Amino acid sequence: MNIDLDGKLALVGGSEGALTSALRRALADNGANVVEIDPTSPAATEPAGATQGEPFVLVLVSEGANGLPETDAGFGRERAEFVAAIRHSAPRLKRVVLVFSAAGQVPVKGFADFSADQAGLASLTRTLGMELGPSVMVNAVAVGAYEADGDVRTQRFLTHTGVKRAATLNEIVSAVLFLADPDNAYMTGHTLNVDGGWAIGYARNF
């Protein structure tokens, strides 16, 4: 997908991995000056290079977007960091896109803490969409299974999908670009499911 981000600044941070790297490349390929940020740092939204271009979009990738955790405990910290980073940078932005797990839309059995944490990011998207409008559009992408580095993240999300396969990184990246597009100016507080239909199929088999 191609959008016009020429002369615009894109801040990207959160969990590192193949998806985050692909998002940085895609934003840069579409003309943005991409700057890596660390939401845990007090200066997260003002790193070196952050003055190069018109501030436009902030993309934050949750740890949950990388798959199910090894242990279902200790969540909540990331959400607070995201809130602080978004509110601090909001006066300089037009778009915010959060990327998290499809478990935030339909919970995963046996992962109550994780599911609740990811659902909190979906709720945060709606809340900040109201709070920061009309100047900032806040939306999200909830990802299911996708293939990266030769692995599928997460195999469990393939059990009840209508598409019957994992997504490619490009399919997820395209959804983020759609939400970051300057021409997409009447959409906020929305979570776009890119999960192959897992969220709608799971309920029939639970």
Foldseek 3Di string as FASTA:
>chain_A
DEFAQAQEEEEEEEDDDPLSVVLQVRCVVNHHDYDYFYLVDPCRCPDPPNVRGQYEEYEYEYPQLQADDPDQDDDDPVVVSVVVNCVVCLVRYAEYEYEHACLLVPNDPPRVNRSVRSVVVLVVQQVVCVVSPDRHAGEYEHEAWADDPRDIHPPVLQPFAPQNDHHYSVVRSVVVCVRRHPVPRPHGSYYHYPRNRSSVRVVVPD
